[in-house]
Amino acid sequence: MALFVNPRCVVLLAAEPSADALGAAVAQHWLAQDPNVHLVGMAGPLMRAAGVKALWQMEDVSVMGLWEVLKQYRRLKRLQTSIIHYLADLKPDLVLGIDGPDFNLPIEAAMKRLNIPCYHFVAPTVWAWRPKRAERIAMQTDGLLCLFPFEPPYFLVHDLPAATVGHPLADRLLLVPNKTEARAALGLSESDRVLAILPGSRKGEWQYNAPLFWQTLGLLLVKYPDLVVMVPCLHERMKQTLQATAGDLPIRWVLASEGASRVLTAADVALVASGTATLETALCHTPMVVAYRLHWLSFLIMNALRQTQWVALPNVIANRALVPELLQDDATPEALVAAVLPLFSVGSSERQAQLSAFGEIHRQLRLNAAQSAVNHVLAWWRERVDVRAALSDF
């Protein structure tokens, strides 16, 4: 028999804004299920509002960019060490690291050595790069919560408990998108022909992809002079940078600090740089063409390291060439136009095939990720407690 049914002190560690959002959802579900649990850890504003006591501020760790991380490396390492020492004294019932593997997994590994149960939410992308990392991760944590159904086998083979909990974006977005509402909110009519363009969220991506996308747009406007083009921007700085590269093209810039969902839902077709935006586009049920360019040397290295046949997440999930991928030298304005045009036709086989598959992907990933994560962690933890209690009876 277990000595108690629920953990009393749970540590949640989020080192970046996206993890803060995940952590907040986890905290809300956990507290609803067990109001007596004491949730503490590294928290951002969303987690703090959800009831997590911040022993450390997420803002102290959230650093973007390789050079910025290198400049802060010693400070981050000292903080990591101090957290390990603090948790060793605190002896919580369990620790859940949320994403941020470079920061959280070493902490989890230290907890594991101290026999404190530790788990990790969001699997590192071993399926895309360096699959041998899976074996090391299996030694660093006691259980892994995965967003995608193809991820657990990479870790189960190393005897690490791993479960698919779905994707929070699939939970948030409607299975049947309200295109009428999205268009009305953006001042668009039902009859408008709308193209969404997402050239990437990083400056390096804009450098290589934005000019390609604007050239493609110039050709599309010859075919559809009335085409409405929308580019969602996370912030004003991104808007100004992209605007400076677009010249006089008739583009509407939409500030969308919470994501591009509304623009994508309103669009007929999207032209997307490869990345997580391809998943958001699929979950908005918008047909897309994926294109990506980067420095030739970076492309050679990344292409050599790549473990999957495809780079766009919808293709990886579907395990087939669902959406067109045009990479590097194949990504020409002419090729992009040829791939985009059929998708504007409502009855085209290309459009219908994508929409049908997007619906299946959405249902597959809509598993109430936060609640599912809590349930799996509690099940693993209770199993561990029961085993210890049974051993103590001998």
Protein backbone atom coordinates (compact mmCIF):
# COMPACT_ATOMS: atom_id res chain seq x y z
CA MET A 1 0.00 0.00 0.00
CA ALA A 2 1.20 3.51 -0.82
CA LEU A 3 1.73 5.81 2.14
CA PHE A 4 -0.24 8.58 0.39
CA VAL A 5 -2.14 8.90 -2.85
CA ASN A 6 -1.07 12.32 -4.10
CA PRO A 7 2.27 14.16 -4.10
CA ARG A 8 2.30 17.02 -1.62
CA CYS A 9 5.11 19.16 -3.03
CA VAL A 10 5.60 19.35 -6.80
CA VAL A 11 8.32 21.38 -8.53
CA LEU A 12 7.58 22.74 -12.02
CA LEU A 13 10.51 24.18 -14.01
CA ALA A 14 9.85 26.43 -17.03
CA ALA A 15 12.73 28.34 -18.59
CA GLU A 16 11.01 30.03 -21.58
CA PRO A 17 7.63 31.62 -22.45
CA SER A 18 6.23 28.63 -24.35
CA ALA A 19 7.03 26.42 -21.35
CA ASP A 20 5.40 28.97 -19.06
CA ALA A 21 2.15 28.57 -21.01
CA LEU A 22 2.39 24.77 -20.77
CA GLY A 23 3.24 24.99 -17.07
CA ALA A 24 0.25 27.24 -16.39
CA ALA A 25 -2.12 24.75 -18.01
CA VAL A 26 -0.53 21.89 -16.05
CA ALA A 27 -0.85 23.87 -12.80
CA GLN A 28 -4.52 24.67 -13.42
CA HIS A 29 -5.40 21.02 -14.06
CA TRP A 30 -3.30 19.78 -11.16
CA LEU A 31 -4.84 22.20 -8.65
CA ALA A 32 -8.34 21.43 -9.91
CA GLN A 33 -7.63 17.74 -9.34
CA ASP A 34 -5.86 18.21 -6.00
CA PRO A 35 -6.28 21.64 -4.34
CA ASN A 36 -3.92 20.60 -1.52
CA VAL A 37 -0.85 20.13 -3.71
CA HIS A 38 1.90 22.71 -3.21
CA LEU A 39 3.22 23.81 -6.61
CA VAL A 40 6.56 25.64 -6.62
CA GLY A 41 9.44 26.14 -9.00
CA MET A 42 10.71 28.30 -11.83
CA ALA A 43 7.71 30.19 -13.14
CA GLY A 44 6.81 32.91 -15.58
CA PRO A 45 3.82 35.26 -15.35
CA LEU A 46 1.29 32.68 -16.57
CA MET A 47 2.41 30.02 -14.09
CA ARG A 48 2.48 32.52 -11.24
CA ALA A 49 -1.07 33.57 -12.08
CA ALA A 50 -2.09 29.90 -12.19
CA GLY A 51 -0.96 29.34 -8.60
CA VAL A 52 2.69 28.29 -8.85
CA LYS A 53 4.91 29.81 -6.16
CA ALA A 54 7.96 31.16 -7.98
CA LEU A 55 11.16 30.17 -6.19
CA TRP A 56 12.95 31.39 -9.33
CA GLN A 57 11.75 33.70 -12.09
CA MET A 58 11.54 32.32 -15.62
CA GLU A 59 12.59 35.73 -16.91
CA ASP A 60 16.04 35.21 -15.35
CA VAL A 61 16.66 32.21 -17.61
CA SER A 62 14.78 32.96 -20.83
CA VAL A 63 17.62 33.93 -23.17
CA MET A 64 17.27 33.79 -26.97
CA GLY A 65 20.09 33.35 -29.48
CA LEU A 66 23.36 31.41 -29.41
CA TRP A 67 25.58 34.43 -28.65
CA GLU A 68 23.25 35.61 -25.88
CA VAL A 69 23.32 32.15 -24.29
CA LEU A 70 27.13 32.03 -24.48
CA LYS A 71 27.41 35.43 -22.81
CA GLN A 72 25.12 34.28 -20.00
CA TYR A 73 26.53 30.76 -19.73
CA ARG A 74 28.35 31.15 -16.41
CA ARG A 75 25.42 32.87 -14.74
CA LEU A 76 22.98 30.24 -16.01
CA LYS A 77 25.28 27.44 -14.86
CA ARG A 78 25.51 28.97 -11.38
CA LEU A 79 21.74 29.25 -11.23
CA GLN A 80 21.33 25.66 -12.37
CA THR A 81 23.71 24.50 -9.63
CA SER A 82 21.94 26.55 -6.96
CA ILE A 83 18.58 25.08 -7.99
CA ILE A 84 20.00 21.56 -7.67
CA HIS A 85 21.29 22.30 -4.17
CA TYR A 86 18.01 23.92 -3.13
CA LEU A 87 15.92 21.00 -4.37
CA ALA A 88 18.26 18.52 -2.72
CA ASP A 89 17.46 20.19 0.61
CA LEU A 90 13.76 20.65 -0.18
CA LYS A 91 13.27 16.99 -1.15
CA PRO A 92 10.07 17.51 -3.15
CA ASP A 93 7.82 14.59 -4.01
CA LEU A 94 8.53 15.05 -7.70
CA VAL A 95 10.08 17.43 -10.24
CA LEU A 96 8.62 18.15 -13.68
CA GLY A 97 10.87 19.93 -16.16
CA ILE A 98 8.90 21.59 -18.95
CA ASP A 99 10.78 21.83 -22.26
CA GLY A 100 14.13 23.74 -22.07
CA PRO A 101 16.10 20.46 -22.13
CA ASP A 102 19.55 22.10 -21.95
CA PHE A 103 18.61 23.78 -18.67
CA ASN A 104 16.15 21.30 -17.15
CA LEU A 105 17.54 17.85 -17.96
CA PRO A 106 20.78 18.32 -15.94
CA ILE A 107 18.61 19.32 -12.97
CA GLU A 108 16.42 16.26 -13.50
CA ALA A 109 19.52 14.06 -13.74
CA ALA A 110 20.73 15.40 -10.37
CA MET A 111 17.32 14.68 -8.85
CA LYS A 112 17.37 11.17 -10.26
CA ARG A 113 20.72 10.53 -8.59
CA LEU A 114 19.13 11.66 -5.32
CA ASN A 115 16.22 9.26 -5.86
CA ILE A 116 13.74 12.13 -6.25
CA PRO A 117 11.21 11.27 -9.00
CA CYS A 118 11.66 13.52 -12.03
CA TYR A 119 9.85 13.77 -15.35
CA HIS A 120 10.13 15.86 -18.50
CA PHE A 121 7.38 17.46 -20.61
CA VAL A 122 8.12 17.95 -24.36
CA ALA A 123 10.51 15.46 -25.89
CA PRO A 124 13.75 16.81 -27.37
CA THR A 125 13.65 16.41 -31.16
CA VAL A 126 15.87 13.34 -31.39
CA TRP A 127 13.77 12.26 -34.39
CA ALA A 128 15.13 15.22 -36.36
CA TRP A 129 18.71 15.54 -35.09
CA ARG A 130 21.15 13.26 -33.27
CA PRO A 131 18.93 10.29 -32.32
CA LYS A 132 21.67 8.93 -30.05
CA ARG A 133 20.66 11.63 -27.55
CA ALA A 134 17.67 9.47 -26.64
CA GLU A 135 19.88 7.04 -24.71
CA ARG A 136 21.40 9.86 -22.67
CA ILE A 137 17.99 11.40 -21.97
CA ALA A 138 16.81 8.01 -20.69
CA MET A 139 19.53 8.26 -18.03
CA GLN A 140 18.55 11.81 -17.04
CA THR A 141 14.84 11.53 -16.28
CA ASP A 142 12.26 8.99 -15.09
CA GLY A 143 9.54 9.61 -17.66
CA LEU A 144 8.90 11.62 -20.81
CA LEU A 145 5.70 13.32 -21.95
CA CYS A 146 5.67 13.61 -25.76
CA LEU A 147 3.64 15.93 -27.97
CA PHE A 148 3.60 13.69 -31.05
CA PRO A 149 2.66 10.01 -31.46
CA PHE A 150 5.82 9.13 -33.40
CA GLU A 151 8.13 10.22 -30.54
CA PRO A 152 7.75 7.59 -27.73
CA PRO A 153 9.41 4.69 -29.64
CA TYR A 154 12.71 6.62 -29.76
CA PHE A 155 12.81 6.49 -25.95
CA LEU A 156 10.92 3.30 -25.09
CA VAL A 157 13.71 1.34 -26.79
CA HIS A 158 15.97 2.68 -24.02
CA ASP A 159 13.50 1.63 -21.29
CA LEU A 160 12.40 5.19 -20.58
CA PRO A 161 8.64 5.44 -19.89
CA ALA A 162 7.28 7.74 -22.61
CA ALA A 163 3.72 8.65 -23.49
CA THR A 164 1.99 10.83 -26.06
CA VAL A 165 -0.14 13.53 -24.42
CA GLY A 166 -1.02 15.49 -27.57
CA HIS A 167 -0.29 19.08 -28.50
CA PRO A 168 -1.73 22.06 -26.56
CA LEU A 169 -2.19 23.98 -29.81
CA ALA A 170 -4.51 21.23 -31.05
CA ASP A 171 -6.53 21.63 -27.85
CA ARG A 172 -6.78 25.40 -28.24
CA LEU A 173 -7.74 25.56 -31.93
CA LEU A 174 -11.20 24.53 -33.11
CA LEU A 175 -11.62 21.24 -34.95
CA VAL A 176 -13.92 23.13 -37.31
CA PRO A 177 -12.32 26.58 -37.74
CA ASN A 178 -14.62 29.59 -37.87
CA LYS A 179 -13.31 31.23 -41.03
CA THR A 180 -16.20 33.71 -41.15
CA GLU A 181 -15.41 35.00 -37.67
CA ALA A 182 -11.66 35.21 -38.40
CA ARG A 183 -12.26 37.17 -41.60
CA ALA A 184 -14.70 39.53 -39.94
CA ALA A 185 -12.18 40.24 -37.16
CA LEU A 186 -9.57 41.15 -39.79
CA GLY A 187 -11.91 43.21 -41.94
CA LEU A 188 -12.05 40.70 -44.78
CA SER A 189 -15.07 39.60 -46.81
CA GLU A 190 -16.11 36.05 -47.59
CA SER A 191 -15.28 36.59 -51.26
CA ASP A 192 -11.71 37.84 -50.73
CA ARG A 193 -8.91 35.62 -52.04
CA VAL A 194 -6.45 35.57 -49.13
CA LEU A 195 -2.85 34.38 -48.93
CA ALA A 196 -1.01 34.21 -45.59
CA ILE A 197 2.79 34.43 -45.73
CA LEU A 198 4.96 33.31 -42.80
CA PRO A 199 8.65 33.84 -43.66
CA GLY A 200 9.91 32.73 -40.23
CA SER A 201 10.27 34.30 -36.79
CA ARG A 202 14.05 34.78 -36.70
CA LYS A 203 16.05 37.48 -38.44
CA GLY A 204 18.28 34.89 -40.15
CA GLU A 205 15.19 33.22 -41.62
CA TRP A 206 13.87 36.54 -42.96
CA GLN A 207 17.20 37.22 -44.67
CA TYR A 208 16.90 34.14 -46.87
CA ASN A 209 13.15 33.50 -47.07
CA ALA A 210 11.49 36.92 -47.19
CA PRO A 211 12.99 37.97 -50.58
CA LEU A 212 11.99 34.58 -52.03
CA PHE A 213 8.43 34.97 -50.75
CA TRP A 214 8.11 38.55 -52.03
CA GLN A 215 9.32 37.46 -55.50
CA THR A 216 6.76 34.66 -55.45
CA LEU A 217 4.08 37.13 -54.44
CA GLY A 218 4.99 39.38 -57.37
CA LEU A 219 4.29 36.50 -59.77
CA LEU A 220 1.06 35.54 -58.02
CA LEU A 221 -0.25 39.10 -58.29
CA VAL A 222 -0.01 38.80 -62.08
CA LYS A 223 -2.45 35.89 -61.89
CA TYR A 224 -4.60 37.35 -59.07
CA PRO A 225 -4.33 41.16 -59.02
CA ASP A 226 -6.97 41.34 -56.27
CA LEU A 227 -5.10 38.93 -54.00
CA VAL A 228 -5.18 39.93 -50.32
CA VAL A 229 -1.84 39.15 -48.69
CA MET A 230 -1.40 39.07 -44.93
CA VAL A 231 1.79 38.60 -42.90
CA PRO A 232 1.37 38.04 -39.15
CA CYS A 233 4.12 39.69 -37.07
CA LEU A 234 4.90 38.84 -33.46
CA HIS A 235 5.89 42.41 -32.63
CA GLU A 236 6.40 45.87 -34.11
CA ARG A 237 10.14 45.30 -34.68
CA MET A 238 9.43 42.23 -36.80
CA LYS A 239 6.83 44.18 -38.76
CA GLN A 240 9.23 47.02 -39.52
CA THR A 241 12.04 44.67 -40.57
CA LEU A 242 9.85 42.69 -42.96
CA GLN A 243 8.15 45.81 -44.26
CA ALA A 244 11.53 47.25 -45.23
CA THR A 245 12.22 44.24 -47.48
CA ALA A 246 8.85 44.10 -49.22
CA GLY A 247 9.09 47.32 -51.21
CA ASP A 248 5.76 48.48 -52.65
CA LEU A 249 4.05 45.09 -52.65
CA PRO A 250 0.43 45.26 -51.42
CA ILE A 251 0.90 43.42 -48.16
CA ARG A 252 -1.16 43.84 -45.00
CA TRP A 253 0.89 43.53 -41.82
CA VAL A 254 -0.94 42.08 -38.82
CA LEU A 255 0.54 42.26 -35.33
CA ALA A 256 -0.23 38.89 -33.75
CA SER A 257 1.71 38.64 -30.49
CA GLU A 258 -0.23 35.53 -29.42
CA GLY A 259 0.39 33.66 -32.65
CA ALA A 260 -0.72 33.61 -36.25
CA SER A 261 -3.87 31.50 -35.76
CA ARG A 262 -6.41 34.16 -36.75
CA VAL A 263 -4.55 35.13 -39.93
CA LEU A 264 -4.06 31.49 -40.90
CA THR A 265 -7.71 30.64 -40.23
CA ALA A 266 -8.83 33.56 -42.40
CA ALA A 267 -6.51 32.64 -45.29
CA ASP A 268 -7.34 30.42 -48.25
CA VAL A 269 -3.72 29.32 -48.66
CA ALA A 270 -0.48 29.84 -46.74
CA LEU A 271 3.14 30.07 -47.86
CA VAL A 272 5.19 29.01 -44.84
CA ALA A 273 8.84 28.75 -43.94
CA SER A 274 9.52 25.35 -42.42
CA GLY A 275 9.20 25.18 -38.65
CA THR A 276 6.53 24.95 -35.97
CA ALA A 277 4.42 27.37 -38.05
CA THR A 278 3.70 24.47 -40.40
CA LEU A 279 1.91 22.64 -37.56
CA GLU A 280 -0.09 25.74 -36.63
CA THR A 281 -1.10 26.14 -40.27
CA ALA A 282 -2.27 22.52 -40.42
CA LEU A 283 -4.24 22.92 -37.17
CA CYS A 284 -5.91 26.00 -38.65
CA HIS A 285 -6.92 23.71 -41.57
CA THR A 286 -5.29 25.95 -44.17
CA PRO A 287 -3.65 24.37 -47.25
CA MET A 288 0.01 25.31 -47.51
CA VAL A 289 3.24 25.20 -49.42
CA VAL A 290 6.42 24.96 -47.35
CA ALA A 291 9.64 26.58 -48.53
CA TYR A 292 12.94 27.20 -46.80
CA ARG A 293 16.32 28.64 -47.68
CA LEU A 294 19.38 29.19 -45.50
CA HIS A 295 23.12 29.71 -45.94
CA TRP A 296 24.48 27.04 -48.28
CA LEU A 297 26.96 25.70 -45.71
CA SER A 298 24.31 25.53 -42.98
CA PHE A 299 22.04 23.68 -45.38
CA LEU A 300 24.75 21.12 -46.22
CA ILE A 301 25.43 20.46 -42.53
CA MET A 302 21.77 20.30 -41.50
CA ASN A 303 20.87 18.13 -44.47
CA ALA A 304 23.64 15.70 -43.56
CA LEU A 305 22.44 15.51 -39.95
CA ARG A 306 18.74 15.30 -40.77
CA GLN A 307 17.14 12.00 -39.76
CA THR A 308 13.74 12.39 -41.41
CA GLN A 309 12.74 12.28 -45.06
CA TRP A 310 10.67 15.44 -44.54
CA VAL A 311 11.14 18.70 -42.66
CA ALA A 312 7.54 19.98 -42.38
CA LEU A 313 5.80 18.65 -39.28
CA PRO A 314 2.56 17.73 -41.09
CA ASN A 315 4.60 15.49 -43.39
CA VAL A 316 6.53 13.99 -40.47
CA ILE A 317 3.31 13.25 -38.58
CA ALA A 318 1.53 11.86 -41.65
CA ASN A 319 4.71 10.01 -42.69
CA ARG A 320 4.17 11.00 -46.31
CA ALA A 321 4.55 13.94 -48.66
CA LEU A 322 1.31 15.63 -47.63
CA VAL A 323 2.33 19.26 -48.26
CA PRO A 324 4.82 20.41 -50.90
CA GLU A 325 8.33 21.02 -49.51
CA LEU A 326 10.63 23.20 -51.60
CA LEU A 327 14.03 23.54 -49.99
CA GLN A 328 17.15 25.53 -50.87
CA ASP A 329 17.82 25.41 -54.66
CA ASP A 330 14.38 23.88 -55.30
CA ALA A 331 12.75 26.90 -53.67
CA THR A 332 12.39 29.24 -56.64
CA PRO A 333 9.57 31.76 -57.15
CA GLU A 334 8.37 29.84 -60.20
CA ALA A 335 8.25 26.52 -58.34
CA LEU A 336 6.42 28.08 -55.42
CA VAL A 337 3.82 29.65 -57.70
CA ALA A 338 3.25 26.30 -59.43
CA ALA A 339 2.69 24.63 -56.03
CA VAL A 340 0.49 27.41 -54.60
CA LEU A 341 -1.93 27.96 -57.50
CA PRO A 342 -3.81 24.59 -57.33
CA LEU A 343 -4.49 25.16 -53.63
CA PHE A 344 -6.66 28.20 -54.36
CA SER A 345 -9.08 26.01 -56.30
CA VAL A 346 -11.78 24.83 -53.86
CA GLY A 347 -12.37 21.54 -55.63
CA SER A 348 -8.76 20.64 -56.44
CA SER A 349 -7.49 17.26 -55.35
CA GLU A 350 -4.38 18.91 -53.87
CA ARG A 351 -6.45 21.16 -51.61
CA GLN A 352 -8.89 18.45 -50.55
CA ALA A 353 -6.11 15.97 -49.74
CA GLN A 354 -4.44 18.45 -47.41
CA LEU A 355 -7.68 19.45 -45.68
CA SER A 356 -8.71 15.85 -45.09
CA ALA A 357 -5.30 14.97 -43.59
CA PHE A 358 -5.23 18.13 -41.44
CA GLY A 359 -8.50 17.08 -39.85
CA GLU A 360 -7.05 13.68 -38.98
CA ILE A 361 -3.84 15.22 -37.59
CA HIS A 362 -5.89 17.62 -35.47
CA ARG A 363 -7.97 14.81 -33.97
CA GLN A 364 -4.83 12.76 -33.40
CA LEU A 365 -3.14 15.54 -31.42
CA ARG A 366 -6.23 16.81 -29.56
CA LEU A 367 -5.80 14.82 -26.36
CA ASN A 368 -6.18 17.53 -23.69
CA ALA A 369 -2.41 17.71 -23.34
CA ALA A 370 -2.15 19.39 -19.91
CA GLN A 371 -4.64 17.07 -18.22
CA SER A 372 -3.11 14.05 -19.94
CA ALA A 373 0.35 15.15 -18.76
CA VAL A 374 -0.83 15.41 -15.14
CA ASN A 375 -2.52 12.01 -15.33
CA HIS A 376 0.58 10.27 -16.72
CA VAL A 377 2.95 11.87 -14.21
CA LEU A 378 0.67 10.92 -11.31
CA ALA A 379 0.35 7.36 -12.61
CA TRP A 380 4.14 6.98 -12.91
CA TRP A 381 4.69 8.55 -9.51
CA ARG A 382 2.06 6.39 -7.76
CA GLU A 383 3.48 3.25 -9.33
CA ARG A 384 6.89 4.20 -7.99
CA VAL A 385 5.51 4.91 -4.50
CA ASP A 386 3.60 1.60 -4.49
CA VAL A 387 6.74 -0.32 -5.45
CA ARG A 388 8.70 1.34 -2.63
CA ALA A 389 5.90 0.62 -0.15
CA ALA A 390 5.79 -3.05 -1.24
CA LEU A 391 9.58 -3.37 -0.87
CA SER A 392 9.45 -1.84 2.60
CA ASP A 393 7.06 -4.61 3.71
CA PHE A 394 9.77 -7.24 3.26
